[in-house]
PDB file of all heavy atoms in Angstrom:
ATOM      1  N   PRO A   1       0.802  -1.228   0.000  1.00  0.00           N
ATOM      2  CA  PRO A   1       0.000   0.000   0.000  1.00  0.00           C
ATOM      3  C   PRO A   1       0.831   1.272   0.000  1.00  0.00           C
ATOM      4  O   PRO A   1       0.467   2.262  -0.647  1.00  0.00           O
ATOM      5  CB  PRO A   1      -0.842  -0.133   1.279  1.00  0.00           C
ATOM      6  CG  PRO A   1      -0.895  -1.607   1.553  1.00  0.00           C
ATOM      7  CD  PRO A   1       0.425  -2.143   1.096  1.00  0.00           C
ATOM      8  N   GLU A   2       1.963   1.277   0.728  1.00  0.00           N
ATOM      9  CA  GLU A   2       2.779   2.488   0.813  1.00  0.00           C
ATOM     10  C   GLU A   2       3.367   2.852  -0.546  1.00  0.00           C
ATOM     11  O   GLU A   2       3.356   4.019  -0.951  1.00  0.00           O
ATOM     12  CB  GLU A   2       3.891   2.282   1.842  1.00  0.00           C
ATOM     13  CG  GLU A   2       4.608   3.571   2.220  1.00  0.00           C
ATOM     14  CD  GLU A   2       5.579   3.360   3.355  1.00  0.00           C
ATOM     15  OE1 GLU A   2       5.892   2.186   3.659  1.00  0.00           O
ATOM     16  OE2 GLU A   2       6.032   4.361   3.928  1.00  0.00           O
ATOM     17  N   ALA A   3       3.880   1.852  -1.282  1.00  0.00           N
ATOM     18  CA  ALA A   3       4.435   2.120  -2.603  1.00  0.00           C
ATOM     19  C   ALA A   3       3.347   2.583  -3.564  1.00  0.00           C
ATOM     20  O   ALA A   3       3.570   3.494  -4.382  1.00  0.00           O
ATOM     21  CB  ALA A   3       5.127   0.869  -3.148  1.00  0.00           C
ATOM     22  N   ALA A   4       2.169   1.975  -3.482  1.00  0.00           N
ATOM     23  CA  ALA A   4       1.065   2.381  -4.358  1.00  0.00           C
ATOM     24  C   ALA A   4       0.650   3.814  -4.074  1.00  0.00           C
ATOM     25  O   ALA A   4       0.395   4.603  -4.999  1.00  0.00           O
ATOM     26  CB  ALA A   4      -0.121   1.437  -4.170  1.00  0.00           C
ATOM     27  N   GLU A   5       0.611   4.195  -2.792  1.00  0.00           N
ATOM     28  CA  GLU A   5       0.207   5.552  -2.430  1.00  0.00           C
ATOM     29  C   GLU A   5       1.215   6.587  -2.924  1.00  0.00           C
ATOM     30  O   GLU A   5       0.842   7.634  -3.457  1.00  0.00           O
ATOM     31  CB  GLU A   5       0.058   5.658  -0.914  1.00  0.00           C
ATOM     32  CG  GLU A   5      -0.405   7.034  -0.445  1.00  0.00           C
ATOM     33  CD  GLU A   5      -0.519   7.110   1.065  1.00  0.00           C
ATOM     34  OE1 GLU A   5      -0.389   6.048   1.720  1.00  0.00           O
ATOM     35  OE2 GLU A   5      -0.717   8.221   1.577  1.00  0.00           O
ATOM     36  N   ILE A   6       2.526   6.291  -2.774  1.00  0.00           N
ATOM     37  CA  ILE A   6       3.545   7.247  -3.204  1.00  0.00           C
ATOM     38  C   ILE A   6       3.557   7.361  -4.724  1.00  0.00           C
ATOM     39  O   ILE A   6       3.756   8.446  -5.281  1.00  0.00           O
ATOM     40  CB  ILE A   6       4.924   6.821  -2.661  1.00  0.00           C
ATOM     41  CG1 ILE A   6       4.920   6.883  -1.127  1.00  0.00           C
ATOM     42  CG2 ILE A   6       6.027   7.693  -3.223  1.00  0.00           C
ATOM     43  CD1 ILE A   6       6.193   6.403  -0.496  1.00  0.00           C
ATOM     44  N   ALA A   7       3.351   6.233  -5.440  1.00  0.00           N
ATOM     45  CA  ALA A   7       3.285   6.288  -6.901  1.00  0.00           C
ATOM     46  C   ALA A   7       2.117   7.155  -7.353  1.00  0.00           C
ATOM     47  O   ALA A   7       2.242   7.957  -8.294  1.00  0.00           O
ATOM     48  CB  ALA A   7       3.159   4.872  -7.462  1.00  0.00           C
ATOM     49  N   MET A   8       0.963   7.030  -6.671  1.00  0.00           N
ATOM     50  CA  MET A   8      -0.187   7.867  -7.003  1.00  0.00           C
ATOM     51  C   MET A   8       0.102   9.337  -6.707  1.00  0.00           C
ATOM     52  O   MET A   8      -0.272  10.233  -7.467  1.00  0.00           O
ATOM     53  CB  MET A   8      -1.411   7.402  -6.212  1.00  0.00           C
ATOM     54  CG  MET A   8      -2.044   6.135  -6.734  1.00  0.00           C
ATOM     55  SD  MET A   8      -2.829   6.438  -8.335  1.00  0.00           S
ATOM     56  CE  MET A   8      -3.459   4.798  -8.699  1.00  0.00           C
ATOM     57  N   ARG A   9       0.812   9.582  -5.602  1.00  0.00           N
ATOM     58  CA  ARG A   9       1.134  10.958  -5.237  1.00  0.00           C
ATOM     59  C   ARG A   9       2.080  11.575  -6.265  1.00  0.00           C
ATOM     60  O   ARG A   9       1.947  12.753  -6.626  1.00  0.00           O
ATOM     61  CB  ARG A   9       1.768  10.986  -3.847  1.00  0.00           C
ATOM     62  CG  ARG A   9       1.945  12.384  -3.264  1.00  0.00           C
ATOM     63  CD  ARG A   9       2.585  12.304  -1.902  1.00  0.00           C
ATOM     64  NE  ARG A   9       1.846  11.387  -1.014  1.00  0.00           N
ATOM     65  CZ  ARG A   9       2.333  10.916   0.119  1.00  0.00           C
ATOM     66  NH1 ARG A   9       3.556  11.243   0.506  1.00  0.00           N
ATOM     67  NH2 ARG A   9       1.608  10.108   0.869  1.00  0.00           N
ATOM     68  N   ALA A  10       3.045  10.779  -6.754  1.00  0.00           N
ATOM     69  CA  ALA A  10       3.969  11.282  -7.776  1.00  0.00           C
ATOM     70  C   ALA A  10       3.227  11.582  -9.068  1.00  0.00           C
ATOM     71  O   ALA A  10       3.490  12.601  -9.736  1.00  0.00           O
ATOM     72  CB  ALA A  10       5.076  10.257  -8.023  1.00  0.00           C
ATOM     73  N   ALA A  11       2.276  10.724  -9.428  1.00  0.00           N
ATOM     74  CA  ALA A  11       1.501  10.948 -10.647  1.00  0.00           C
ATOM     75  C   ALA A  11       0.635  12.205 -10.534  1.00  0.00           C
ATOM     76  O   ALA A  11       0.489  12.966 -11.494  1.00  0.00           O
ATOM     77  CB  ALA A  11       0.636   9.729 -10.945  1.00  0.00           C
ATOM     78  N   SER A  12       0.083  12.433  -9.339  1.00  0.00           N
ATOM     79  CA  SER A  12      -0.779  13.601  -9.150  1.00  0.00           C
ATOM     80  C   SER A  12       0.013  14.901  -9.109  1.00  0.00           C
ATOM     81  O   SER A  12      -0.560  15.990  -9.282  1.00  0.00           O
ATOM     82  CB  SER A  12      -1.595  13.457  -7.861  1.00  0.00           C
ATOM     83  OG  SER A  12      -0.739  13.416  -6.731  1.00  0.00           O
ATOM     84  N   SER A  13       1.351  14.813  -8.886  1.00  0.00           N
ATOM     85  CA  SER A  13       2.184  16.021  -8.826  1.00  0.00           C
ATOM     86  C   SER A  13       2.753  16.394 -10.189  1.00  0.00           C
ATOM     87  O   SER A  13       3.598  17.290 -10.277  1.00  0.00           O
ATOM     88  CB  SER A  13       3.325  15.826  -7.822  1.00  0.00           C
ATOM     89  OG  SER A  13       4.211  14.813  -8.267  1.00  0.00           O
ATOM     90  N   GLY A  14       2.328  15.710 -11.239  1.00  0.00           N
ATOM     91  CA  GLY A  14       2.781  16.069 -12.578  1.00  0.00           C
ATOM     92  C   GLY A  14       3.868  15.182 -13.138  1.00  0.00           C
ATOM     93  O   GLY A  14       4.320  15.418 -14.266  1.00  0.00           O
ATOM     94  N   LYS A  15       4.322  14.174 -12.370  1.00  0.00           N
ATOM     95  CA  LYS A  15       5.319  13.246 -12.893  1.00  0.00           C
ATOM     96  C   LYS A  15       4.631  12.201 -13.763  1.00  0.00           C
ATOM     97  O   LYS A  15       3.458  11.878 -13.581  1.00  0.00           O
ATOM     98  CB  LYS A  15       6.072  12.549 -11.748  1.00  0.00           C
ATOM     99  CG  LYS A  15       6.543  13.477 -10.647  1.00  0.00           C
ATOM    100  CD  LYS A  15       7.533  14.513 -11.132  1.00  0.00           C
ATOM    101  CE  LYS A  15       8.006  15.410  -9.991  1.00  0.00           C
ATOM    102  NZ  LYS A  15       8.877  16.507 -10.448  1.00  0.00           N
ATOM    103  N   TYR A  16       5.415  11.681 -14.697  1.00  0.00           N
ATOM    104  CA  TYR A  16       4.888  10.591 -15.517  1.00  0.00           C
ATOM    105  C   TYR A  16       5.425   9.291 -14.925  1.00  0.00           C
ATOM    106  O   TYR A  16       6.637   9.043 -14.954  1.00  0.00           O
ATOM    107  CB  TYR A  16       5.326  10.758 -16.972  1.00  0.00           C
ATOM    108  CG  TYR A  16       4.389  10.123 -17.971  1.00  0.00           C
ATOM    109  CD1 TYR A  16       3.163   9.625 -17.585  1.00  0.00           C
ATOM    110  CD2 TYR A  16       4.731  10.037 -19.317  1.00  0.00           C
ATOM    111  CE1 TYR A  16       2.300   9.061 -18.500  1.00  0.00           C
ATOM    112  CE2 TYR A  16       3.877   9.475 -20.245  1.00  0.00           C
ATOM    113  CZ  TYR A  16       2.663   8.987 -19.817  1.00  0.00           C
ATOM    114  OH  TYR A  16       1.799   8.420 -20.724  1.00  0.00           O
ATOM    115  N   VAL A  17       4.543   8.466 -14.381  1.00  0.00           N
ATOM    116  CA  VAL A  17       4.937   7.286 -13.608  1.00  0.00           C
ATOM    117  C   VAL A  17       4.584   6.031 -14.393  1.00  0.00           C
ATOM    118  O   VAL A  17       3.455   5.877 -14.871  1.00  0.00           O
ATOM    119  CB  VAL A  17       4.240   7.275 -12.234  1.00  0.00           C
ATOM    120  CG1 VAL A  17       4.695   6.070 -11.425  1.00  0.00           C
ATOM    121  CG2 VAL A  17       4.521   8.572 -11.479  1.00  0.00           C
ATOM    122  N   PHE A  18       5.556   5.123 -14.501  1.00  0.00           N
ATOM    123  CA  PHE A  18       5.353   3.826 -15.142  1.00  0.00           C
ATOM    124  C   PHE A  18       5.625   2.731 -14.116  1.00  0.00           C
ATOM    125  O   PHE A  18       6.571   2.837 -13.318  1.00  0.00           O
ATOM    126  CB  PHE A  18       6.287   3.645 -16.336  1.00  0.00           C
ATOM    127  CG  PHE A  18       5.992   4.561 -17.491  1.00  0.00           C
ATOM    128  CD1 PHE A  18       6.419   5.879 -17.474  1.00  0.00           C
ATOM    129  CD2 PHE A  18       5.283   4.110 -18.587  1.00  0.00           C
ATOM    130  CE1 PHE A  18       6.151   6.731 -18.535  1.00  0.00           C
ATOM    131  CE2 PHE A  18       4.996   4.949 -19.644  1.00  0.00           C
ATOM    132  CZ  PHE A  18       5.435   6.263 -19.623  1.00  0.00           C
ATOM    133  N   THR A  19       4.827   1.680 -14.147  1.00  0.00           N
ATOM    134  CA  THR A  19       5.024   0.590 -13.202  1.00  0.00           C
ATOM    135  C   THR A  19       4.415  -0.689 -13.758  1.00  0.00           C
ATOM    136  O   THR A  19       3.772  -0.674 -14.825  1.00  0.00           O
ATOM    137  CB  THR A  19       4.400   0.927 -11.836  1.00  0.00           C
ATOM    138  OG1 THR A  19       4.780  -0.086 -10.884  1.00  0.00           O
ATOM    139  CG2 THR A  19       2.884   0.973 -11.921  1.00  0.00           C
ATOM    140  N   THR A  20       4.645  -1.795 -13.057  1.00  0.00           N
ATOM    141  CA  THR A  20       4.062  -3.088 -13.424  1.00  0.00           C
ATOM    142  C   THR A  20       3.278  -3.633 -12.248  1.00  0.00           C
ATOM    143  O   THR A  20       3.534  -3.270 -11.086  1.00  0.00           O
ATOM    144  CB  THR A  20       5.144  -4.108 -13.838  1.00  0.00           C
ATOM    145  OG1 THR A  20       6.024  -4.352 -12.719  1.00  0.00           O
ATOM    146  CG2 THR A  20       5.960  -3.593 -15.013  1.00  0.00           C
ATOM    147  N   PHE A  21       2.338  -4.521 -12.546  1.00  0.00           N
ATOM    148  CA  PHE A  21       1.479  -5.101 -11.525  1.00  0.00           C
ATOM    149  C   PHE A  21       1.140  -6.533 -11.952  1.00  0.00           C
ATOM    150  O   PHE A  21       0.768  -6.759 -13.101  1.00  0.00           O
ATOM    151  CB  PHE A  21       0.186  -4.284 -11.389  1.00  0.00           C
ATOM    152  CG  PHE A  21      -0.335  -4.180  -9.990  1.00  0.00           C
ATOM    153  CD1 PHE A  21      -0.803  -2.975  -9.495  1.00  0.00           C
ATOM    154  CD2 PHE A  21      -0.380  -5.302  -9.168  1.00  0.00           C
ATOM    155  CE1 PHE A  21      -1.278  -2.864  -8.205  1.00  0.00           C
ATOM    156  CE2 PHE A  21      -0.857  -5.201  -7.880  1.00  0.00           C
ATOM    157  CZ  PHE A  21      -1.308  -3.987  -7.390  1.00  0.00           C
ATOM    158  N   HIS A  22       1.280  -7.471 -11.045  1.00  0.00           N
ATOM    159  CA  HIS A  22       0.974  -8.872 -11.348  1.00  0.00           C
ATOM    160  C   HIS A  22      -0.518  -9.122 -11.107  1.00  0.00           C
ATOM    161  O   HIS A  22      -0.945  -9.387  -9.982  1.00  0.00           O
ATOM    162  CB  HIS A  22       1.812  -9.815 -10.477  1.00  0.00           C
ATOM    163  CG  HIS A  22       3.216  -9.981 -10.966  1.00  0.00           C
ATOM    164  ND1 HIS A  22       3.590 -10.923 -11.903  1.00  0.00           N
ATOM    165  CD2 HIS A  22       4.343  -9.309 -10.658  1.00  0.00           C
ATOM    166  CE1 HIS A  22       4.879 -10.831 -12.141  1.00  0.00           C
ATOM    167  NE2 HIS A  22       5.360  -9.850 -11.398  1.00  0.00           N
ATOM    168  N   THR A  23      -1.307  -9.020 -12.150  1.00  0.00           N
ATOM    169  CA  THR A  23      -2.731  -9.356 -12.066  1.00  0.00           C
ATOM    170  C   THR A  23      -3.136 -10.084 -13.349  1.00  0.00           C
ATOM    171  O   THR A  23      -2.379 -10.146 -14.315  1.00  0.00           O
ATOM    172  CB  THR A  23      -3.601  -8.098 -11.896  1.00  0.00           C
ATOM    173  OG1 THR A  23      -3.356  -7.201 -12.983  1.00  0.00           O
ATOM    174  CG2 THR A  23      -3.296  -7.390 -10.581  1.00  0.00           C
ATOM    175  N   ARG A  24      -4.357 -10.601 -13.339  1.00  0.00           N
ATOM    176  CA  ARG A  24      -4.819 -11.407 -14.479  1.00  0.00           C
ATOM    177  C   ARG A  24      -5.169 -10.545 -15.686  1.00  0.00           C
ATOM    178  O   ARG A  24      -4.881 -10.904 -16.813  1.00  0.00           O
ATOM    179  CB  ARG A  24      -6.033 -12.248 -14.079  1.00  0.00           C
ATOM    180  CG  ARG A  24      -5.760 -13.306 -13.028  1.00  0.00           C
ATOM    181  CD  ARG A  24      -6.973 -14.197 -12.863  1.00  0.00           C
ATOM    182  NE  ARG A  24      -8.176 -13.436 -12.519  1.00  0.00           N
ATOM    183  CZ  ARG A  24      -8.521 -13.115 -11.284  1.00  0.00           C
ATOM    184  NH1 ARG A  24      -7.747 -13.469 -10.277  1.00  0.00           N
ATOM    185  NH2 ARG A  24      -9.632 -12.428 -11.047  1.00  0.00           N
ATOM    186  N   ASP A  25      -5.851  -9.424 -15.445  1.00  0.00           N
ATOM    187  CA  ASP A  25      -6.340  -8.599 -16.544  1.00  0.00           C
ATOM    188  C   ASP A  25      -6.517  -7.172 -16.051  1.00  0.00           C
ATOM    189  O   ASP A  25      -6.182  -6.833 -14.911  1.00  0.00           O
ATOM    190  CB  ASP A  25      -7.653  -9.161 -17.105  1.00  0.00           C
ATOM    191  CG  ASP A  25      -8.645  -9.496 -16.007  1.00  0.00           C
ATOM    192  OD1 ASP A  25      -8.718  -8.725 -15.020  1.00  0.00           O
ATOM    193  OD2 ASP A  25      -9.341 -10.517 -16.121  1.00  0.00           O
ATOM    194  N   VAL A  26      -7.093  -6.313 -16.904  1.00  0.00           N
ATOM    195  CA  VAL A  26      -7.246  -4.893 -16.577  1.00  0.00           C
ATOM    196  C   VAL A  26      -8.177  -4.703 -15.388  1.00  0.00           C
ATOM    197  O   VAL A  26      -7.884  -3.940 -14.457  1.00  0.00           O
ATOM    198  CB  VAL A  26      -7.770  -4.130 -17.812  1.00  0.00           C
ATOM    199  CG1 VAL A  26      -8.116  -2.688 -17.438  1.00  0.00           C
ATOM    200  CG2 VAL A  26      -6.736  -4.154 -18.923  1.00  0.00           C
ATOM    201  N   ALA A  27      -9.315  -5.376 -15.393  1.00  0.00           N
ATOM    202  CA  ALA A  27     -10.272  -5.219 -14.292  1.00  0.00           C
ATOM    203  C   ALA A  27      -9.670  -5.661 -12.965  1.00  0.00           C
ATOM    204  O   ALA A  27      -9.886  -5.025 -11.922  1.00  0.00           O
ATOM    205  CB  ALA A  27     -11.543  -6.014 -14.597  1.00  0.00           C
ATOM    206  N   SER A  28      -8.895  -6.739 -12.986  1.00  0.00           N
ATOM    207  CA  SER A  28      -8.263  -7.223 -11.752  1.00  0.00           C
ATOM    208  C   SER A  28      -7.251  -6.227 -11.226  1.00  0.00           C
ATOM    209  O   SER A  28      -7.057  -6.112 -10.009  1.00  0.00           O
ATOM    210  CB  SER A  28      -7.577  -8.565 -12.006  1.00  0.00           C
ATOM    211  OG  SER A  28      -8.496  -9.544 -12.427  1.00  0.00           O
ATOM    212  N   MET A  29      -6.610  -5.468 -12.117  1.00  0.00           N
ATOM    213  CA  MET A  29      -5.629  -4.483 -11.668  1.00  0.00           C
ATOM    214  C   MET A  29      -6.298  -3.351 -10.895  1.00  0.00           C
ATOM    215  O   MET A  29      -5.791  -2.889  -9.869  1.00  0.00           O
ATOM    216  CB  MET A  29      -4.880  -3.932 -12.885  1.00  0.00           C
ATOM    217  CG  MET A  29      -3.603  -3.193 -12.532  1.00  0.00           C
ATOM    218  SD  MET A  29      -3.470  -1.649 -13.412  1.00  0.00           S
ATOM    219  CE  MET A  29      -4.758  -0.700 -12.652  1.00  0.00           C
ATOM    220  N   VAL A  30      -7.442  -2.890 -11.373  1.00  0.00           N
ATOM    221  CA  VAL A  30      -8.173  -1.841 -10.658  1.00  0.00           C
ATOM    222  C   VAL A  30      -8.602  -2.333  -9.288  1.00  0.00           C
ATOM    223  O   VAL A  30      -8.474  -1.629  -8.275  1.00  0.00           O
ATOM    224  CB  VAL A  30      -9.384  -1.380 -11.485  1.00  0.00           C
ATOM    225  CG1 VAL A  30     -10.212  -0.365 -10.701  1.00  0.00           C
ATOM    226  CG2 VAL A  30      -8.929  -0.779 -12.813  1.00  0.00           C
ATOM    227  N   THR A  31      -9.073  -3.573  -9.228  1.00  0.00           N
ATOM    228  CA  THR A  31      -9.472  -4.157  -7.940  1.00  0.00           C
ATOM    229  C   THR A  31      -8.283  -4.280  -7.008  1.00  0.00           C
ATOM    230  O   THR A  31      -8.394  -4.025  -5.798  1.00  0.00           O
ATOM    231  CB  THR A  31     -10.112  -5.538  -8.167  1.00  0.00           C
ATOM    232  OG1 THR A  31     -11.216  -5.402  -9.054  1.00  0.00           O
ATOM    233  CG2 THR A  31     -10.560  -6.138  -6.855  1.00  0.00           C
ATOM    234  N   ALA A  32      -7.102  -4.649  -7.565  1.00  0.00           N
ATOM    235  CA  ALA A  32      -5.907  -4.795  -6.728  1.00  0.00           C
ATOM    236  C   ALA A  32      -5.482  -3.459  -6.136  1.00  0.00           C
ATOM    237  O   ALA A  32      -5.059  -3.395  -4.971  1.00  0.00           O
ATOM    238  CB  ALA A  32      -4.775  -5.390  -7.558  1.00  0.00           C
ATOM    239  N   PHE A  33      -5.593  -2.376  -6.897  1.00  0.00           N
ATOM    240  CA  PHE A  33      -5.270  -1.059  -6.351  1.00  0.00           C
ATOM    241  C   PHE A  33      -6.235  -0.704  -5.221  1.00  0.00           C
ATOM    242  O   PHE A  33      -5.838  -0.109  -4.208  1.00  0.00           O
ATOM    243  CB  PHE A  33      -5.333   0.007  -7.448  1.00  0.00           C
ATOM    244  CG  PHE A  33      -4.002   0.301  -8.080  1.00  0.00           C
ATOM    245  CD1 PHE A  33      -3.755   0.010  -9.417  1.00  0.00           C
ATOM    246  CD2 PHE A  33      -2.989   0.884  -7.339  1.00  0.00           C
ATOM    247  CE1 PHE A  33      -2.536   0.287  -9.993  1.00  0.00           C
ATOM    248  CE2 PHE A  33      -1.764   1.175  -7.907  1.00  0.00           C
ATOM    249  CZ  PHE A  33      -1.534   0.864  -9.239  1.00  0.00           C
ATOM    250  N   ARG A  34      -7.496  -1.033  -5.373  1.00  0.00           N
ATOM    251  CA  ARG A  34      -8.464  -0.777  -4.297  1.00  0.00           C
ATOM    252  C   ARG A  34      -8.115  -1.593  -3.059  1.00  0.00           C
ATOM    253  O   ARG A  34      -8.260  -1.124  -1.925  1.00  0.00           O
ATOM    254  CB  ARG A  34      -9.871  -1.108  -4.774  1.00  0.00           C
ATOM    255  CG  ARG A  34     -10.430  -0.103  -5.784  1.00  0.00           C
ATOM    256  CD  ARG A  34     -11.735  -0.584  -6.359  1.00  0.00           C
ATOM    257  NE  ARG A  34     -12.368   0.427  -7.208  1.00  0.00           N
ATOM    258  CZ  ARG A  34     -13.402   0.181  -8.011  1.00  0.00           C
ATOM    259  NH1 ARG A  34     -13.907  -1.047  -8.070  1.00  0.00           N
ATOM    260  NH2 ARG A  34     -13.918   1.147  -8.733  1.00  0.00           N
TER     261      ARG A  34
END
């Protein structure tokens, strides 16, 4: 959760953030962030 929160904070401050996430599909990735 801490890494996800800081990545979101960096994105909201105008940085362009790229990352990877181990999930099955797009919908599962949104659920994993939640």
